[in-house]
Amino acid sequence: MKATIIGFVIIAAAVFAILPKDVIGFGLGWGIYVLAFLKGGLPVIAILVGIIAIFIGIADMKDRAEAKKENAQ
């Protein structure tokens, strides 16, 4: 229960930070910076996910080859 409450508080704080101060009247107006971070970070995250997918694929091929060897014997 404590973790759920903390999670809601963190989400509320993040939404408060992103909200524009001019339009709504409250908030920190960090939305532009969040978008800039996402634009810069998304390609890096995509590359890392791609590398992980390649490693998982290679490990899967090795496991299948070992299973095929064991079934042949």
PDB file of N, CA and C in Angstrom:
ATOM      1  N   MET A   1       0.823  -1.189   0.000  1.00  0.00           N
ATOM      2  CA  MET A   1       0.000   0.000   0.000  1.00  0.00           C
ATOM      3  C   MET A   1       0.868   1.255   0.000  1.00  0.00           C
ATOM      4  N   LYS A   2       1.969   1.204   0.760  1.00  0.00           N
ATOM      5  CA  LYS A   2       2.862   2.356   0.837  1.00  0.00           C
ATOM      6  C   LYS A   2       3.499   2.650  -0.523  1.00  0.00           C
ATOM      7  N   ALA A   3       3.876   1.583  -1.241  1.00  0.00           N
ATOM      8  CA  ALA A   3       4.495   1.765  -2.550  1.00  0.00           C
ATOM      9  C   ALA A   3       3.520   2.385  -3.548  1.00  0.00           C
ATOM     10  N   THR A   4       2.244   2.012  -3.463  1.00  0.00           N
ATOM     11  CA  THR A   4       1.236   2.566  -4.348  1.00  0.00           C
ATOM     12  C   THR A   4       1.059   4.062  -4.101  1.00  0.00           C
ATOM     13  N   ILE A   5       1.009   4.452  -2.854  1.00  0.00           N
ATOM     14  CA  ILE A   5       0.862   5.871  -2.514  1.00  0.00           C
ATOM     15  C   ILE A   5       2.075   6.660  -2.979  1.00  0.00           C
ATOM     16  N   ILE A   6       3.259   6.126  -2.762  1.00  0.00           N
ATOM     17  CA  ILE A   6       4.482   6.794  -3.206  1.00  0.00           C
ATOM     18  C   ILE A   6       4.486   6.919  -4.726  1.00  0.00           C
ATOM     19  N   GLY A   7       4.027   5.878  -5.414  1.00  0.00           N
ATOM     20  CA  GLY A   7       3.947   5.925  -6.867  1.00  0.00           C
ATOM     21  C   GLY A   7       3.016   7.022  -7.352  1.00  0.00           C
ATOM     22  N   PHE A   8       1.850   7.155  -6.730  1.00  0.00           N
ATOM     23  CA  PHE A   8       0.923   8.213  -7.110  1.00  0.00           C
ATOM     24  C   PHE A   8       1.497   9.601  -6.830  1.00  0.00           C
ATOM     25  N   VAL A   9       2.207   9.751  -5.723  1.00  0.00           N
ATOM     26  CA  VAL A   9       2.824  11.038  -5.397  1.00  0.00           C
ATOM     27  C   VAL A   9       3.884  11.401  -6.426  1.00  0.00           C
ATOM     28  N   ILE A  10       4.687  10.428  -6.827  1.00  0.00           N
ATOM     29  CA  ILE A  10       5.731  10.679  -7.829  1.00  0.00           C
ATOM     30  C   ILE A  10       5.111  11.040  -9.170  1.00  0.00           C
ATOM     31  N   ILE A  11       4.061  10.336  -9.579  1.00  0.00           N
ATOM     32  CA  ILE A  11       3.384  10.656 -10.834  1.00  0.00           C
ATOM     33  C   ILE A  11       2.776  12.051 -10.766  1.00  0.00           C
ATOM     34  N   ALA A  12       2.150  12.405  -9.650  1.00  0.00           N
ATOM     35  CA  ALA A  12       1.568  13.738  -9.503  1.00  0.00           C
ATOM     36  C   ALA A  12       2.645  14.820  -9.577  1.00  0.00           C
ATOM     37  N   ALA A  13       3.798  14.567  -8.959  1.00  0.00           N
ATOM     38  CA  ALA A  13       4.894  15.533  -9.013  1.00  0.00           C
ATOM     39  C   ALA A  13       5.416  15.691 -10.432  1.00  0.00           C
ATOM     40  N   ALA A  14       5.510  14.585 -11.167  1.00  0.00           N
ATOM     41  CA  ALA A  14       5.984  14.654 -12.551  1.00  0.00           C
ATOM     42  C   ALA A  14       4.999  15.415 -13.430  1.00  0.00           C
ATOM     43  N   VAL A  15       3.709  15.159 -13.249  1.00  0.00           N
ATOM     44  CA  VAL A  15       2.693  15.878 -14.028  1.00  0.00           C
ATOM     45  C   VAL A  15       2.731  17.361 -13.675  1.00  0.00           C
ATOM     46  N   PHE A  16       2.871  17.687 -12.401  1.00  0.00           N
ATOM     47  CA  PHE A  16       2.974  19.073 -11.972  1.00  0.00           C
ATOM     48  C   PHE A  16       4.178  19.756 -12.619  1.00  0.00           C
ATOM     49  N   ALA A  17       5.300  19.042 -12.722  1.00  0.00           N
ATOM     50  CA  ALA A  17       6.504  19.615 -13.313  1.00  0.00           C
ATOM     51  C   ALA A  17       6.340  19.856 -14.812  1.00  0.00           C
ATOM     52  N   ILE A  18       5.566  19.023 -15.487  1.00  0.00           N
ATOM     53  CA  ILE A  18       5.405  19.141 -16.933  1.00  0.00           C
ATOM     54  C   ILE A  18       4.369  20.203 -17.312  1.00  0.00           C
ATOM     55  N   LEU A  19       3.384  20.436 -16.462  1.00  0.00           N
ATOM     56  CA  LEU A  19       2.308  21.369 -16.788  1.00  0.00           C
ATOM     57  C   LEU A  19       2.842  22.774 -17.045  1.00  0.00           C
ATOM     58  N   PRO A  20       2.310  23.434 -18.087  1.00  0.00           N
ATOM     59  CA  PRO A  20       2.747  24.809 -18.362  1.00  0.00           C
ATOM     60  C   PRO A  20       2.132  25.788 -17.367  1.00  0.00           C
ATOM     61  N   LYS A  21       2.940  26.697 -16.879  1.00  0.00           N
ATOM     62  CA  LYS A  21       2.497  27.660 -15.882  1.00  0.00           C
ATOM     63  C   LYS A  21       1.542  28.693 -16.489  1.00  0.00           C
ATOM     64  N   ASP A  22       1.764  29.072 -17.734  1.00  0.00           N
ATOM     65  CA  ASP A  22       0.985  30.131 -18.367  1.00  0.00           C
ATOM     66  C   ASP A  22      -0.452  29.711 -18.659  1.00  0.00           C
ATOM     67  N   VAL A  23      -0.638  28.515 -19.136  1.00  0.00           N
ATOM     68  CA  VAL A  23      -1.963  28.074 -19.581  1.00  0.00           C
ATOM     69  C   VAL A  23      -2.854  27.699 -18.411  1.00  0.00           C
ATOM     70  N   ILE A  24      -2.334  26.914 -17.488  1.00  0.00           N
ATOM     71  CA  ILE A  24      -3.155  26.362 -16.421  1.00  0.00           C
ATOM     72  C   ILE A  24      -3.092  27.228 -15.164  1.00  0.00           C
ATOM     73  N   GLY A  25      -2.018  27.956 -14.967  1.00  0.00           N
ATOM     74  CA  GLY A  25      -1.896  28.795 -13.794  1.00  0.00           C
ATOM     75  C   GLY A  25      -1.001  28.202 -12.724  1.00  0.00           C
ATOM     76  N   PHE A  26      -0.653  26.946 -12.852  1.00  0.00           N
ATOM     77  CA  PHE A  26       0.272  26.322 -11.910  1.00  0.00           C
ATOM     78  C   PHE A  26       1.089  25.294 -12.672  1.00  0.00           C
ATOM     79  N   GLY A  27       2.158  24.902 -12.108  1.00  0.00           N
ATOM     80  CA  GLY A  27       3.068  23.950 -12.738  1.00  0.00           C
ATOM     81  C   GLY A  27       4.437  24.580 -12.916  1.00  0.00           C
ATOM     82  N   LEU A  28       5.399  23.763 -13.255  1.00  0.00           N
ATOM     83  CA  LEU A  28       6.763  24.260 -13.417  1.00  0.00           C
ATOM     84  C   LEU A  28       7.109  24.592 -14.861  1.00  0.00           C
ATOM     85  N   GLY A  29       6.339  24.077 -15.809  1.00  0.00           N
ATOM     86  CA  GLY A  29       6.584  24.379 -17.213  1.00  0.00           C
ATOM     87  C   GLY A  29       7.787  23.679 -17.800  1.00  0.00           C
ATOM     88  N   TRP A  30       8.094  22.501 -17.327  1.00  0.00           N
ATOM     89  CA  TRP A  30       9.249  21.759 -17.832  1.00  0.00           C
ATOM     90  C   TRP A  30       8.914  20.900 -19.040  1.00  0.00           C
ATOM     91  N   GLY A  31       7.747  21.047 -19.604  1.00  0.00           N
ATOM     92  CA  GLY A  31       7.321  20.214 -20.721  1.00  0.00           C
ATOM     93  C   GLY A  31       8.257  20.278 -21.917  1.00  0.00           C
ATOM     94  N   ILE A  32       8.759  21.457 -22.216  1.00  0.00           N
ATOM     95  CA  ILE A  32       9.673  21.629 -23.351  1.00  0.00           C
ATOM     96  C   ILE A  32      10.959  20.848 -23.109  1.00  0.00           C
ATOM     97  N   TYR A  33      11.443  20.897 -21.893  1.00  0.00           N
ATOM     98  CA  TYR A  33      12.686  20.194 -21.563  1.00  0.00           C
ATOM     99  C   TYR A  33      12.488  18.674 -21.573  1.00  0.00           C
ATOM    100  N   VAL A  34      11.322  18.247 -21.165  1.00  0.00           N
ATOM    101  CA  VAL A  34      11.007  16.812 -21.193  1.00  0.00           C
ATOM    102  C   VAL A  34      10.975  16.324 -22.638  1.00  0.00           C
ATOM    103  N   LEU A  35      10.349  17.099 -23.528  1.00  0.00           N
ATOM    104  CA  LEU A  35      10.321  16.721 -24.941  1.00  0.00           C
ATOM    105  C   LEU A  35      11.723  16.703 -25.542  1.00  0.00           C
ATOM    106  N   ALA A  36      12.542  17.678 -25.191  1.00  0.00           N
ATOM    107  CA  ALA A  36      13.921  17.699 -25.688  1.00  0.00           C
ATOM    108  C   ALA A  36      14.695  16.479 -25.195  1.00  0.00           C
ATOM    109  N   PHE A  37      14.491  16.113 -23.937  1.00  0.00           N
ATOM    110  CA  PHE A  37      15.147  14.924 -23.388  1.00  0.00           C
ATOM    111  C   PHE A  37      14.702  13.670 -24.128  1.00  0.00           C
ATOM    112  N   LEU A  38      13.394  13.566 -24.379  1.00  0.00           N
ATOM    113  CA  LEU A  38      12.887  12.391 -25.091  1.00  0.00           C
ATOM    114  C   LEU A  38      13.406  12.338 -26.519  1.00  0.00           C
ATOM    115  N   LYS A  39      13.472  13.482 -27.180  1.00  0.00           N
ATOM    116  CA  LYS A  39      13.997  13.509 -28.547  1.00  0.00           C
ATOM    117  C   LYS A  39      15.459  13.079 -28.578  1.00  0.00           C
ATOM    118  N   GLY A  40      16.220  13.474 -27.595  1.00  0.00           N
ATOM    119  CA  GLY A  40      17.635  13.104 -27.560  1.00  0.00           C
ATOM    120  C   GLY A  40      17.869  11.708 -27.038  1.00  0.00           C
ATOM    121  N   GLY A  41      17.027  11.261 -26.110  1.00  0.00           N
ATOM    122  CA  GLY A  41      17.248   9.967 -25.482  1.00  0.00           C
ATOM    123  C   GLY A  41      16.648   8.798 -26.215  1.00  0.00           C
ATOM    124  N   LEU A  42      15.615   9.043 -27.000  1.00  0.00           N
ATOM    125  CA  LEU A  42      14.929   7.943 -27.675  1.00  0.00           C
ATOM    126  C   LEU A  42      15.828   7.175 -28.644  1.00  0.00           C
ATOM    127  N   PRO A  43      16.634   7.836 -29.472  1.00  0.00           N
ATOM    128  CA  PRO A  43      17.535   7.058 -30.340  1.00  0.00           C
ATOM    129  C   PRO A  43      18.535   6.217 -29.556  1.00  0.00           C
ATOM    130  N   VAL A  44      19.040   6.749 -28.466  1.00  0.00           N
ATOM    131  CA  VAL A  44      20.001   5.996 -27.651  1.00  0.00           C
ATOM    132  C   VAL A  44      19.322   4.775 -27.048  1.00  0.00           C
ATOM    133  N   ILE A  45      18.115   4.947 -26.529  1.00  0.00           N
ATOM    134  CA  ILE A  45      17.368   3.832 -25.958  1.00  0.00           C
ATOM    135  C   ILE A  45      17.063   2.790 -27.036  1.00  0.00           C
ATOM    136  N   ALA A  46      16.708   3.253 -28.244  1.00  0.00           N
ATOM    137  CA  ALA A  46      16.419   2.328 -29.344  1.00  0.00           C
ATOM    138  C   ALA A  46      17.658   1.507 -29.705  1.00  0.00           C
ATOM    139  N   ILE A  47      18.821   2.136 -29.714  1.00  0.00           N
ATOM    140  CA  ILE A  47      20.063   1.411 -30.006  1.00  0.00           C
ATOM    141  C   ILE A  47      20.333   0.362 -28.934  1.00  0.00           C
ATOM    142  N   LEU A  48      20.174   0.735 -27.661  1.00  0.00           N
ATOM    143  CA  LEU A  48      20.411  -0.220 -26.579  1.00  0.00           C
ATOM    144  C   LEU A  48      19.436  -1.393 -26.639  1.00  0.00           C
ATOM    145  N   VAL A  49      18.168  -1.114 -26.917  1.00  0.00           N
ATOM    146  CA  VAL A  49      17.182  -2.190 -27.036  1.00  0.00           C
ATOM    147  C   VAL A  49      17.526  -3.094 -28.218  1.00  0.00           C
ATOM    148  N   GLY A  50      17.982  -2.510 -29.310  1.00  0.00           N
ATOM    149  CA  GLY A  50      18.391  -3.305 -30.465  1.00  0.00           C
ATOM    150  C   GLY A  50      19.566  -4.213 -30.161  1.00  0.00           C
ATOM    151  N   ILE A  51      20.545  -3.692 -29.440  1.00  0.00           N
ATOM    152  CA  ILE A  51      21.707  -4.507 -29.062  1.00  0.00           C
ATOM    153  C   ILE A  51      21.278  -5.656 -28.157  1.00  0.00           C
ATOM    154  N   ILE A  52      20.410  -5.374 -27.203  1.00  0.00           N
ATOM    155  CA  ILE A  52      19.915  -6.428 -26.314  1.00  0.00           C
ATOM    156  C   ILE A  52      19.152  -7.485 -27.110  1.00  0.00           C
ATOM    157  N   ALA A  53      18.342  -7.045 -28.081  1.00  0.00           N
ATOM    158  CA  ALA A  53      17.596  -8.000 -28.912  1.00  0.00           C
ATOM    159  C   ALA A  53      18.539  -8.885 -29.717  1.00  0.00           C
ATOM    160  N   ILE A  54      19.631  -8.322 -30.212  1.00  0.00           N
ATOM    161  CA  ILE A  54      20.618  -9.114 -30.958  1.00  0.00           C
ATOM    162  C   ILE A  54      21.244 -10.160 -30.045  1.00  0.00           C
ATOM    163  N   PHE A  55      21.635  -9.767 -28.831  1.00  0.00           N
ATOM    164  CA  PHE A  55      22.231 -10.719 -27.894  1.00  0.00           C
ATOM    165  C   PHE A  55      21.249 -11.826 -27.527  1.00  0.00           C
ATOM    166  N   ILE A  56      19.990 -11.479 -27.336  1.00  0.00           N
ATOM    167  CA  ILE A  56      18.981 -12.494 -27.027  1.00  0.00           C
ATOM    168  C   ILE A  56      18.800 -13.439 -28.207  1.00  0.00           C
ATOM    169  N   GLY A  57      18.804 -12.897 -29.419  1.00  0.00           N
ATOM    170  CA  GLY A  57      18.679 -13.737 -30.610  1.00  0.00           C
ATOM    171  C   GLY A  57      19.846 -14.699 -30.758  1.00  0.00           C
ATOM    172  N   ILE A  58      21.053 -14.222 -30.507  1.00  0.00           N
ATOM    173  CA  ILE A  58      22.237 -15.082 -30.597  1.00  0.00           C
ATOM    174  C   ILE A  58      22.172 -16.183 -29.541  1.00  0.00           C
ATOM    175  N   ALA A  59      21.790 -15.825 -28.325  1.00  0.00           N
ATOM    176  CA  ALA A  59      21.678 -16.825 -27.260  1.00  0.00           C
ATOM    177  C   ALA A  59      20.606 -17.856 -27.601  1.00  0.00           C
ATOM    178  N   ASP A  60      19.504 -17.418 -28.203  1.00  0.00           N
ATOM    179  CA  ASP A  60      18.441 -18.341 -28.599  1.00  0.00           C
ATOM    180  C   ASP A  60      18.923 -19.308 -29.679  1.00  0.00           C
ATOM    181  N   MET A  61      19.680 -18.799 -30.644  1.00  0.00           N
ATOM    182  CA  MET A  61      20.219 -19.681 -31.690  1.00  0.00           C
ATOM    183  C   MET A  61      21.177 -20.704 -31.103  1.00  0.00           C
ATOM    184  N   LYS A  62      22.010 -20.297 -30.137  1.00  0.00           N
ATOM    185  CA  LYS A  62      22.930 -21.228 -29.487  1.00  0.00           C
ATOM    186  C   LYS A  62      22.162 -22.298 -28.714  1.00  0.00           C
ATOM    187  N   ASP A  63      21.109 -21.887 -28.014  1.00  0.00           N
ATOM    188  CA  ASP A  63      20.302 -22.851 -27.258  1.00  0.00           C
ATOM    189  C   ASP A  63      19.629 -23.852 -28.187  1.00  0.00           C
ATOM    190  N   ARG A  64      19.129 -23.378 -29.314  1.00  0.00           N
ATOM    191  CA  ARG A  64      18.485 -24.293 -30.270  1.00  0.00           C
ATOM    192  C   ARG A  64      19.490 -25.272 -30.850  1.00  0.00           C
ATOM    193  N   ALA A  65      20.715 -24.799 -31.128  1.00  0.00           N
ATOM    194  CA  ALA A  65      21.748 -25.686 -31.665  1.00  0.00           C
ATOM    195  C   ALA A  65      22.124 -26.754 -30.632  1.00  0.00           C
ATOM    196  N   GLU A  66      22.228 -26.368 -29.365  1.00  0.00           N
ATOM    197  CA  GLU A  66      22.536 -27.334 -28.322  1.00  0.00           C
ATOM    198  C   GLU A  66      21.404 -28.338 -28.146  1.00  0.00           C
ATOM    199  N   ALA A  67      20.178 -27.860 -28.220  1.00  0.00           N
ATOM    200  CA  ALA A  67      19.029 -28.766 -28.088  1.00  0.00           C
ATOM    201  C   ALA A  67      18.993 -29.748 -29.268  1.00  0.00           C
ATOM    202  N   LYS A  68      19.339 -29.274 -30.455  1.00  0.00           N
ATOM    203  CA  LYS A  68      19.358 -30.143 -31.622  1.00  0.00           C
ATOM    204  C   LYS A  68      20.435 -31.216 -31.476  1.00  0.00           C
ATOM    205  N   LYS A  69      21.612 -30.839 -30.910  1.00  0.00           N
ATOM    206  CA  LYS A  69      22.684 -31.802 -30.684  1.00  0.00           C
ATOM    207  C   LYS A  69      22.257 -32.860 -29.674  1.00  0.00           C
ATOM    208  N   GLU A  70      21.596 -32.443 -28.608  1.00  0.00           N
ATOM    209  CA  GLU A  70      21.158 -33.377 -27.582  1.00  0.00           C
ATOM    210  C   GLU A  70      20.088 -34.330 -28.117  1.00  0.00           C
ATOM    211  N   ASN A  71      19.208 -33.851 -28.958  1.00  0.00           N
ATOM    212  CA  ASN A  71      18.153 -34.705 -29.532  1.00  0.00           C
ATOM    213  C   ASN A  71      18.722 -35.679 -30.559  1.00  0.00           C
ATOM    214  N   ALA A  72      19.811 -35.304 -31.213  1.00  0.00           N
ATOM    215  CA  ALA A  72      20.420 -36.169 -32.214  1.00  0.00           C
ATOM    216  C   ALA A  72      21.155 -37.341 -31.549  1.00  0.00           C
ATOM    217  N   GLN A  73      21.605 -37.156 -30.345  1.00  0.00           N
ATOM    218  CA  GLN A  73      22.374 -38.214 -29.678  1.00  0.00           C
ATOM    219  C   GLN A  73      21.466 -39.169 -29.045  1.00  0.00           C
TER     220      GLN A  73
END
